[in-house]
Amino acid sequence: MNAIGILDSGLGGYTIFNALHRAYPDASFVFLADQANAPYGDKSRDEIRSIAINAIAWFETQGITEVVVACNTISAQVLPEIKPLFPTMTLTGIIELTAHQEAVLSAKSVAVIATTGTTRTQAYPITITAINPQSSVEGVALPQLVPLIEGLADRQAIEAYLEPLINPLKADVMVLACTHYPLVHETLQRYFNGTLVDSIDPIVSLFADRVLPQGECRVYTTKNPDYLKHQIEVLFQSSVEVALTSVPHANCFSQ
């Protein structure tokens, strides 16, 4: 299949898929929401490695040779070491793209909100301070935010969770280091006075000068297609077809 793949555990990746489809409406994108294994952020490194290998192997079985790994947890923990396992594929993580935005690199202080797994790796502080050593970078884990978003929690529940965690943060820029988080952008901005930065614009810009494969777009989930369809309808006011799939167990890569 001549298409660009997009991988995430769920709705976060759909923010990327949706933005790319809007920016390049004739291009072919295939999104895999690995909701059977969601959330990724609280899993061990070995679990993340196995999940990522199996999911990328799924794209390979679809004939897709280029995948945007729209998941900070995979990008931070295991992507560099699994790229050699797929030598015929182009696998693009999102940490470098997200961290290299001008608003981040010119900031004196940066708050990075992310899953527990991403925060634990210190991937963003390392990347940002390597370019701007004068920047002060604080990482904040939000372990319950992805489950709240995936569960379609109401605004009051999300606000009750975020307010005590976000209000105390004093920084010039906040990096939304999880692709789920743009879905609560308005709430985050309510409690944070600085600039919010996410992964959407740099990923869209990544393809601006490319000749992209043309064709249909597809959305898959490894869990419940009716529920993902409902989630998309609620959060994106859009109706899309969602297909159920399963990922292979790439055991030959897992050791």
C-alpha atoms as a PDB file:
ATOM      1  CA  MET A   1       0.000   0.000   0.000  1.00  0.00           C
ATOM      2  CA  ASN A   2       1.476   3.329  -1.052  1.00  0.00           C
ATOM      3  CA  ALA A   3       0.717   5.494   1.986  1.00  0.00           C
ATOM      4  CA  ILE A   4       2.236   7.273   4.961  1.00  0.00           C
ATOM      5  CA  GLY A   5       1.630   5.458   8.251  1.00  0.00           C
ATOM      6  CA  ILE A   6       0.821   7.118  11.576  1.00  0.00           C
ATOM      7  CA  LEU A   7       1.141   5.189  14.840  1.00  0.00           C
ATOM      8  CA  ASP A   8      -0.148   5.943  18.316  1.00  0.00           C
ATOM      9  CA  SER A   9      -2.082   4.318  21.134  1.00  0.00           C
ATOM     10  CA  GLY A  10      -5.266   6.192  20.278  1.00  0.00           C
ATOM     11  CA  LEU A  11      -6.759   9.648  19.967  1.00  0.00           C
ATOM     12  CA  GLY A  12      -3.415  11.417  20.158  1.00  0.00           C
ATOM     13  CA  GLY A  13      -2.377  10.014  16.828  1.00  0.00           C
ATOM     14  CA  TYR A  14      -5.704  10.998  15.347  1.00  0.00           C
ATOM     15  CA  THR A  15      -4.869  14.666  16.009  1.00  0.00           C
ATOM     16  CA  ILE A  16      -1.870  14.168  13.713  1.00  0.00           C
ATOM     17  CA  PHE A  17      -3.806  12.136  11.144  1.00  0.00           C
ATOM     18  CA  ASN A  18      -6.569  14.747  11.065  1.00  0.00           C
ATOM     19  CA  ALA A  19      -4.139  17.648  10.629  1.00  0.00           C
ATOM     20  CA  LEU A  20      -2.229  15.880   7.857  1.00  0.00           C
ATOM     21  CA  HIS A  21      -5.420  14.917   6.035  1.00  0.00           C
ATOM     22  CA  ARG A  22      -6.642  18.511   6.176  1.00  0.00           C
ATOM     23  CA  ALA A  23      -3.318  19.897   4.990  1.00  0.00           C
ATOM     24  CA  TYR A  24      -2.862  17.319   2.218  1.00  0.00           C
ATOM     25  CA  PRO A  25      -6.385  16.151   1.289  1.00  0.00           C
ATOM     26  CA  ASP A  26      -5.306  14.104  -1.733  1.00  0.00           C
ATOM     27  CA  ALA A  27      -2.548  12.243   0.092  1.00  0.00           C
ATOM     28  CA  SER A  28      -2.902   8.732   1.480  1.00  0.00           C
ATOM     29  CA  PHE A  29      -2.456   8.310   5.238  1.00  0.00           C
ATOM     30  CA  VAL A  30      -3.066   5.176   7.299  1.00  0.00           C
ATOM     31  CA  PHE A  31      -3.551   5.605  11.044  1.00  0.00           C
ATOM     32  CA  LEU A  32      -3.192   2.740  13.511  1.00  0.00           C
ATOM     33  CA  ALA A  33      -4.638   3.351  16.981  1.00  0.00           C
ATOM     34  CA  ASP A  34      -3.238   0.559  19.145  1.00  0.00           C
ATOM     35  CA  GLN A  35      -5.970   0.938  21.746  1.00  0.00           C
ATOM     36  CA  ALA A  36      -5.728  -2.672  22.878  1.00  0.00           C
ATOM     37  CA  ASN A  37      -2.426  -1.724  24.507  1.00  0.00           C
ATOM     38  CA  ALA A  38      -3.337   1.798  25.608  1.00  0.00           C
ATOM     39  CA  PRO A  39      -2.212   3.705  27.514  1.00  0.00           C
ATOM     40  CA  TYR A  40       1.471   3.354  26.699  1.00  0.00           C
ATOM     41  CA  GLY A  41       2.759   5.908  29.177  1.00  0.00           C
ATOM     42  CA  ASP A  42       2.683   3.741  32.312  1.00  0.00           C
ATOM     43  CA  LYS A  43       4.209   0.612  30.757  1.00  0.00           C
ATOM     44  CA  SER A  44       7.737  -0.682  31.244  1.00  0.00           C
ATOM     45  CA  ARG A  45      10.425  -0.044  28.679  1.00  0.00           C
ATOM     46  CA  ASP A  46      10.413  -3.701  27.615  1.00  0.00           C
ATOM     47  CA  GLU A  47       6.653  -3.588  27.106  1.00  0.00           C
ATOM     48  CA  ILE A  48       6.941  -0.418  25.035  1.00  0.00           C
ATOM     49  CA  ARG A  49       9.676  -1.980  22.921  1.00  0.00           C
ATOM     50  CA  SER A  50       7.566  -5.060  22.173  1.00  0.00           C
ATOM     51  CA  ILE A  51       4.471  -2.981  21.434  1.00  0.00           C
ATOM     52  CA  ALA A  52       6.367  -0.681  19.093  1.00  0.00           C
ATOM     53  CA  ILE A  53       8.018  -3.525  17.183  1.00  0.00           C
ATOM     54  CA  ASN A  54       4.728  -5.340  16.697  1.00  0.00           C
ATOM     55  CA  ALA A  55       2.938  -2.185  15.561  1.00  0.00           C
ATOM     56  CA  ILE A  56       5.623  -1.209  13.081  1.00  0.00           C
ATOM     57  CA  ALA A  57       5.659  -4.780  11.781  1.00  0.00           C
ATOM     58  CA  TRP A  58       1.920  -4.337  11.125  1.00  0.00           C
ATOM     59  CA  PHE A  59       2.634  -1.386   8.843  1.00  0.00           C
ATOM     60  CA  GLU A  60       5.255  -3.469   7.077  1.00  0.00           C
ATOM     61  CA  THR A  61       2.646  -6.167   6.392  1.00  0.00           C
ATOM     62  CA  GLN A  62       0.467  -3.449   4.835  1.00  0.00           C
ATOM     63  CA  GLY A  63       3.220  -2.526   2.390  1.00  0.00           C
ATOM     64  CA  ILE A  64       3.805   0.806   4.141  1.00  0.00           C
ATOM     65  CA  THR A  65       7.463   1.825   4.279  1.00  0.00           C
ATOM     66  CA  GLU A  66       7.226   5.230   5.998  1.00  0.00           C
ATOM     67  CA  VAL A  67       5.707   5.719   9.461  1.00  0.00           C
ATOM     68  CA  VAL A  68       5.342   8.778  11.663  1.00  0.00           C
ATOM     69  CA  VAL A  69       5.579   7.492  15.228  1.00  0.00           C
ATOM     70  CA  ALA A  70       3.099   9.993  16.681  1.00  0.00           C
ATOM     71  CA  CYS A  71       3.825   8.804  20.197  1.00  0.00           C
ATOM     72  CA  ASN A  72       6.279  10.533  22.481  1.00  0.00           C
ATOM     73  CA  THR A  73       6.536   7.486  24.752  1.00  0.00           C
ATOM     74  CA  ILE A  74       7.816   5.254  21.936  1.00  0.00           C
ATOM     75  CA  SER A  75       9.943   8.053  20.480  1.00  0.00           C
ATOM     76  CA  ALA A  76      11.580   8.763  23.845  1.00  0.00           C
ATOM     77  CA  GLN A  77      12.133   5.233  25.068  1.00  0.00           C
ATOM     78  CA  VAL A  78      12.858   2.833  22.226  1.00  0.00           C
ATOM     79  CA  LEU A  79      12.646   4.254  18.704  1.00  0.00           C
ATOM     80  CA  PRO A  80      16.398   4.707  18.077  1.00  0.00           C
ATOM     81  CA  GLU A  81      17.156   1.101  18.980  1.00  0.00           C
ATOM     82  CA  ILE A  82      14.363  -0.456  16.930  1.00  0.00           C
ATOM     83  CA  LYS A  83      14.975   1.501  13.723  1.00  0.00           C
ATOM     84  CA  PRO A  84      17.741  -0.940  12.653  1.00  0.00           C
ATOM     85  CA  LEU A  85      15.239  -3.794  12.877  1.00  0.00           C
ATOM     86  CA  PHE A  86      13.341  -2.263   9.953  1.00  0.00           C
ATOM     87  CA  PRO A  87      16.081  -1.227   7.517  1.00  0.00           C
ATOM     88  CA  THR A  88      13.720  -0.785   4.561  1.00  0.00           C
ATOM     89  CA  MET A  89      11.405   1.568   6.462  1.00  0.00           C
ATOM     90  CA  THR A  90      11.584   5.264   7.351  1.00  0.00           C
ATOM     91  CA  LEU A  91      10.517   5.741  10.977  1.00  0.00           C
ATOM     92  CA  THR A  92      10.151   9.334  12.161  1.00  0.00           C
ATOM     93  CA  GLY A  93       9.869  10.165  15.844  1.00  0.00           C
ATOM     94  CA  ILE A  94       8.442  13.444  17.062  1.00  0.00           C
ATOM     95  CA  ILE A  95      10.663  14.625  19.908  1.00  0.00           C
ATOM     96  CA  GLU A  96      13.232  16.386  17.733  1.00  0.00           C
ATOM     97  CA  LEU A  97      10.511  17.940  15.591  1.00  0.00           C
ATOM     98  CA  THR A  98       8.580  19.193  18.603  1.00  0.00           C
ATOM     99  CA  ALA A  99      11.556  20.437  20.597  1.00  0.00           C
ATOM    100  CA  HIS A 100      13.163  22.336  17.716  1.00  0.00           C
ATOM    101  CA  GLN A 101      10.380  24.871  17.344  1.00  0.00           C
ATOM    102  CA  GLU A 102      11.508  28.480  17.694  1.00  0.00           C
ATOM    103  CA  ALA A 103       9.219  29.202  20.640  1.00  0.00           C
ATOM    104  CA  VAL A 104      10.889  26.399  22.591  1.00  0.00           C
ATOM    105  CA  LEU A 105      14.472  27.132  21.644  1.00  0.00           C
ATOM    106  CA  SER A 106      14.219  30.841  22.432  1.00  0.00           C
ATOM    107  CA  ALA A 107      12.521  30.364  25.816  1.00  0.00           C
ATOM    108  CA  LYS A 108      14.351  30.970  29.068  1.00  0.00           C
ATOM    109  CA  SER A 109      12.143  28.479  30.875  1.00  0.00           C
ATOM    110  CA  VAL A 110      10.186  25.508  29.544  1.00  0.00           C
ATOM    111  CA  ALA A 111       7.674  23.194  31.196  1.00  0.00           C
ATOM    112  CA  VAL A 112       7.262  19.818  29.492  1.00  0.00           C
ATOM    113  CA  ILE A 113       4.068  17.931  30.299  1.00  0.00           C
ATOM    114  CA  ALA A 114       4.061  14.280  29.280  1.00  0.00           C
ATOM    115  CA  THR A 115       3.274  10.718  30.235  1.00  0.00           C
ATOM    116  CA  THR A 116       5.230   9.079  33.027  1.00  0.00           C
ATOM    117  CA  GLY A 117       7.279   7.090  30.520  1.00  0.00           C
ATOM    118  CA  THR A 118       8.314  10.115  28.484  1.00  0.00           C
ATOM    119  CA  THR A 119       9.065  12.207  31.566  1.00  0.00           C
ATOM    120  CA  ARG A 120      11.225   9.450  33.028  1.00  0.00           C
ATOM    121  CA  THR A 121      13.535   9.410  29.993  1.00  0.00           C
ATOM    122  CA  GLN A 122      14.325  13.146  30.262  1.00  0.00           C
ATOM    123  CA  ALA A 123      14.315  13.148  26.443  1.00  0.00           C
ATOM    124  CA  TYR A 124      12.908  16.653  26.119  1.00  0.00           C
ATOM    125  CA  PRO A 125      15.138  18.372  28.712  1.00  0.00           C
ATOM    126  CA  ILE A 126      18.177  16.708  27.142  1.00  0.00           C
ATOM    127  CA  THR A 127      17.174  17.734  23.618  1.00  0.00           C
ATOM    128  CA  ILE A 128      16.229  21.298  24.505  1.00  0.00           C
ATOM    129  CA  THR A 129      19.224  22.097  26.704  1.00  0.00           C
ATOM    130  CA  ALA A 130      21.624  20.598  24.171  1.00  0.00           C
ATOM    131  CA  ILE A 131      20.596  23.385  21.800  1.00  0.00           C
ATOM    132  CA  ASN A 132      19.867  26.101  24.347  1.00  0.00           C
ATOM    133  CA  PRO A 133      21.995  25.483  27.459  1.00  0.00           C
ATOM    134  CA  GLN A 134      20.612  28.642  29.059  1.00  0.00           C
ATOM    135  CA  SER A 135      17.080  27.261  29.121  1.00  0.00           C
ATOM    136  CA  SER A 136      15.625  25.883  32.338  1.00  0.00           C
ATOM    137  CA  VAL A 137      13.477  22.840  31.599  1.00  0.00           C
ATOM    138  CA  GLU A 138      11.036  21.222  34.024  1.00  0.00           C
ATOM    139  CA  GLY A 139       9.319  17.922  33.280  1.00  0.00           C
ATOM    140  CA  VAL A 140       5.864  17.206  34.691  1.00  0.00           C
ATOM    141  CA  ALA A 141       4.205  13.784  34.415  1.00  0.00           C
ATOM    142  CA  LEU A 142       0.433  13.657  33.949  1.00  0.00           C
ATOM    143  CA  PRO A 143      -0.279   9.912  34.245  1.00  0.00           C
ATOM    144  CA  GLN A 144      -4.074  10.220  34.317  1.00  0.00           C
ATOM    145  CA  LEU A 145      -4.611  12.644  31.458  1.00  0.00           C
ATOM    146  CA  VAL A 146      -4.511  10.162  28.578  1.00  0.00           C
ATOM    147  CA  PRO A 147      -6.994   7.788  30.283  1.00  0.00           C
ATOM    148  CA  LEU A 148      -9.297  10.755  30.957  1.00  0.00           C
ATOM    149  CA  ILE A 149      -9.164  11.855  27.313  1.00  0.00           C
ATOM    150  CA  GLU A 150      -9.570   8.327  25.943  1.00  0.00           C
ATOM    151  CA  GLY A 151     -12.485   7.793  28.326  1.00  0.00           C
ATOM    152  CA  LEU A 152     -14.214  10.964  27.086  1.00  0.00           C
ATOM    153  CA  ALA A 153     -14.212  12.416  30.587  1.00  0.00           C
ATOM    154  CA  ASP A 154     -16.247  15.594  30.960  1.00  0.00           C
ATOM    155  CA  ARG A 155     -14.643  19.025  31.176  1.00  0.00           C
ATOM    156  CA  GLN A 156     -15.117  19.268  34.930  1.00  0.00           C
ATOM    157  CA  ALA A 157     -13.188  16.045  35.564  1.00  0.00           C
ATOM    158  CA  ILE A 158     -10.327  17.129  33.329  1.00  0.00           C
ATOM    159  CA  GLU A 159     -10.212  20.582  34.908  1.00  0.00           C
ATOM    160  CA  ALA A 160     -10.199  19.078  38.402  1.00  0.00           C
ATOM    161  CA  TYR A 161      -7.213  16.938  37.442  1.00  0.00           C
ATOM    162  CA  LEU A 162      -5.229  19.620  35.617  1.00  0.00           C
ATOM    163  CA  GLU A 163      -5.737  22.730  37.728  1.00  0.00           C
ATOM    164  CA  PRO A 164      -3.554  21.747  40.728  1.00  0.00           C
ATOM    165  CA  LEU A 165      -0.836  20.398  38.424  1.00  0.00           C
ATOM    166  CA  ILE A 166      -0.705  23.179  35.828  1.00  0.00           C
ATOM    167  CA  ASN A 167      -1.461  26.297  37.897  1.00  0.00           C
ATOM    168  CA  PRO A 168       1.832  26.197  39.835  1.00  0.00           C
ATOM    169  CA  LEU A 169       3.973  25.995  36.687  1.00  0.00           C
ATOM    170  CA  LYS A 170       5.865  29.185  35.943  1.00  0.00           C
ATOM    171  CA  ALA A 171       7.530  29.038  32.536  1.00  0.00           C
ATOM    172  CA  ASP A 172       7.644  30.924  29.256  1.00  0.00           C
ATOM    173  CA  VAL A 173       6.605  27.914  27.182  1.00  0.00           C
ATOM    174  CA  MET A 174       4.785  24.676  27.859  1.00  0.00           C
ATOM    175  CA  VAL A 175       5.508  21.735  25.551  1.00  0.00           C
ATOM    176  CA  LEU A 176       2.603  19.335  25.128  1.00  0.00           C
ATOM    177  CA  ALA A 177       4.785  16.233  24.873  1.00  0.00           C
ATOM    178  CA  CYS A 178       1.943  13.834  24.154  1.00  0.00           C
ATOM    179  CA  THR A 179      -0.188  13.972  21.034  1.00  0.00           C
ATOM    180  CA  HIS A 180      -3.329  13.491  23.127  1.00  0.00           C
ATOM    181  CA  TYR A 181      -2.818  16.796  24.910  1.00  0.00           C
ATOM    182  CA  PRO A 182      -3.866  19.192  22.106  1.00  0.00           C
ATOM    183  CA  LEU A 183      -7.369  17.840  22.697  1.00  0.00           C
ATOM    184  CA  VAL A 184      -7.404  19.722  26.017  1.00  0.00           C
ATOM    185  CA  HIS A 185      -5.501  22.774  24.732  1.00  0.00           C
ATOM    186  CA  GLU A 186      -8.180  25.211  25.884  1.00  0.00           C
ATOM    187  CA  THR A 187      -8.158  23.872  29.436  1.00  0.00           C
ATOM    188  CA  LEU A 188      -4.367  23.881  29.621  1.00  0.00           C
ATOM    189  CA  GLN A 189      -4.255  27.476  28.385  1.00  0.00           C
ATOM    190  CA  ARG A 190      -6.736  28.468  31.065  1.00  0.00           C
ATOM    191  CA  TYR A 191      -4.276  27.448  33.779  1.00  0.00           C
ATOM    192  CA  PHE A 192      -0.992  28.415  32.078  1.00  0.00           C
ATOM    193  CA  ASN A 193      -0.011  31.965  31.190  1.00  0.00           C
ATOM    194  CA  GLY A 194       2.748  31.199  28.703  1.00  0.00           C
ATOM    195  CA  THR A 195       2.853  29.826  25.156  1.00  0.00           C
ATOM    196  CA  LEU A 196       1.664  26.302  24.416  1.00  0.00           C
ATOM    197  CA  VAL A 197       3.559  24.249  21.834  1.00  0.00           C
ATOM    198  CA  ASP A 198       2.590  20.835  20.452  1.00  0.00           C
ATOM    199  CA  SER A 199       3.653  18.425  17.711  1.00  0.00           C
ATOM    200  CA  ILE A 200       1.022  19.147  15.080  1.00  0.00           C
ATOM    201  CA  ASP A 201       2.546  22.034  13.126  1.00  0.00           C
ATOM    202  CA  PRO A 202       6.068  20.590  12.833  1.00  0.00           C
ATOM    203  CA  ILE A 203       4.726  17.251  11.615  1.00  0.00           C
ATOM    204  CA  VAL A 204       2.535  18.936   9.009  1.00  0.00           C
ATOM    205  CA  SER A 205       5.521  21.051   7.934  1.00  0.00           C
ATOM    206  CA  LEU A 206       7.652  17.925   7.603  1.00  0.00           C
ATOM    207  CA  PHE A 207       5.716  16.993   4.464  1.00  0.00           C
ATOM    208  CA  ALA A 208       5.329  20.479   2.992  1.00  0.00           C
ATOM    209  CA  ASP A 209       7.935  20.017   0.262  1.00  0.00           C
ATOM    210  CA  ARG A 210       7.255  16.366  -0.402  1.00  0.00           C
ATOM    211  CA  VAL A 211       5.488  14.616  -3.236  1.00  0.00           C
ATOM    212  CA  LEU A 212       3.134  12.467  -1.200  1.00  0.00           C
ATOM    213  CA  PRO A 213       1.478   9.191  -2.193  1.00  0.00           C
ATOM    214  CA  GLN A 214      -2.030   9.814  -3.448  1.00  0.00           C
ATOM    215  CA  GLY A 215      -5.056   7.766  -2.506  1.00  0.00           C
ATOM    216  CA  GLU A 216      -7.510   6.983   0.234  1.00  0.00           C
ATOM    217  CA  CYS A 217      -7.023   7.430   3.969  1.00  0.00           C
ATOM    218  CA  ARG A 218      -7.756   4.659   6.447  1.00  0.00           C
ATOM    219  CA  VAL A 219      -8.196   4.432  10.205  1.00  0.00           C
ATOM    220  CA  TYR A 220      -7.636   1.224  12.169  1.00  0.00           C
ATOM    221  CA  THR A 221      -7.863   0.265  15.817  1.00  0.00           C
ATOM    222  CA  THR A 222      -6.737  -2.860  17.633  1.00  0.00           C
ATOM    223  CA  LYS A 223      -9.644  -2.742  20.078  1.00  0.00           C
ATOM    224  CA  ASN A 224     -13.159  -1.441  19.383  1.00  0.00           C
ATOM    225  CA  PRO A 225     -13.838   0.308  16.076  1.00  0.00           C
ATOM    226  CA  ASP A 226     -17.288   1.488  17.137  1.00  0.00           C
ATOM    227  CA  TYR A 227     -15.862   3.181  20.202  1.00  0.00           C
ATOM    228  CA  LEU A 228     -13.035   4.887  18.294  1.00  0.00           C
ATOM    229  CA  LYS A 229     -15.581   6.070  15.742  1.00  0.00           C
ATOM    230  CA  HIS A 230     -17.644   7.481  18.619  1.00  0.00           C
ATOM    231  CA  GLN A 231     -14.592   9.144  20.187  1.00  0.00           C
ATOM    232  CA  ILE A 232     -13.772  10.846  16.883  1.00  0.00           C
ATOM    233  CA  GLU A 233     -17.351  11.996  16.431  1.00  0.00           C
ATOM    234  CA  VAL A 234     -17.394  13.523  19.931  1.00  0.00           C
ATOM    235  CA  LEU A 235     -13.982  15.168  19.908  1.00  0.00           C
ATOM    236  CA  PHE A 236     -13.504  16.044  16.233  1.00  0.00           C
ATOM    237  CA  GLN A 237     -17.114  16.409  15.078  1.00  0.00           C
ATOM    238  CA  SER A 238     -16.224  14.122  12.203  1.00  0.00           C
ATOM    239  CA  SER A 239     -17.569  10.799  10.981  1.00  0.00           C
ATOM    240  CA  VAL A 240     -14.981   8.324   9.696  1.00  0.00           C
ATOM    241  CA  GLU A 241     -14.913   4.633   8.962  1.00  0.00           C
ATOM    242  CA  VAL A 242     -12.833   2.674  11.470  1.00  0.00           C
ATOM    243  CA  ALA A 243     -11.678  -0.900  10.866  1.00  0.00           C
ATOM    244  CA  LEU A 244     -10.590  -3.500  13.404  1.00  0.00           C
ATOM    245  CA  THR A 245      -7.152  -5.032  12.972  1.00  0.00           C
ATOM    246  CA  SER A 246      -4.639  -7.033  14.978  1.00  0.00           C
ATOM    247  CA  VAL A 247      -0.895  -6.593  15.042  1.00  0.00           C
ATOM    248  CA  PRO A 248       1.515  -9.479  14.507  1.00  0.00           C
ATOM    249  CA  HIS A 249       3.673 -10.768  17.321  1.00  0.00           C
ATOM    250  CA  ALA A 250       7.129 -10.052  15.980  1.00  0.00           C
ATOM    251  CA  ASN A 251       8.789 -12.432  18.424  1.00  0.00           C
ATOM    252  CA  CYS A 252      11.926 -12.706  16.334  1.00  0.00           C
ATOM    253  CA  PHE A 253      12.656  -9.072  17.231  1.00  0.00           C
ATOM    254  CA  SER A 254      11.593  -9.124  20.864  1.00  0.00           C
ATOM    255  CA  GLN A 255      14.763 -10.360  22.533  1.00  0.00           C
END
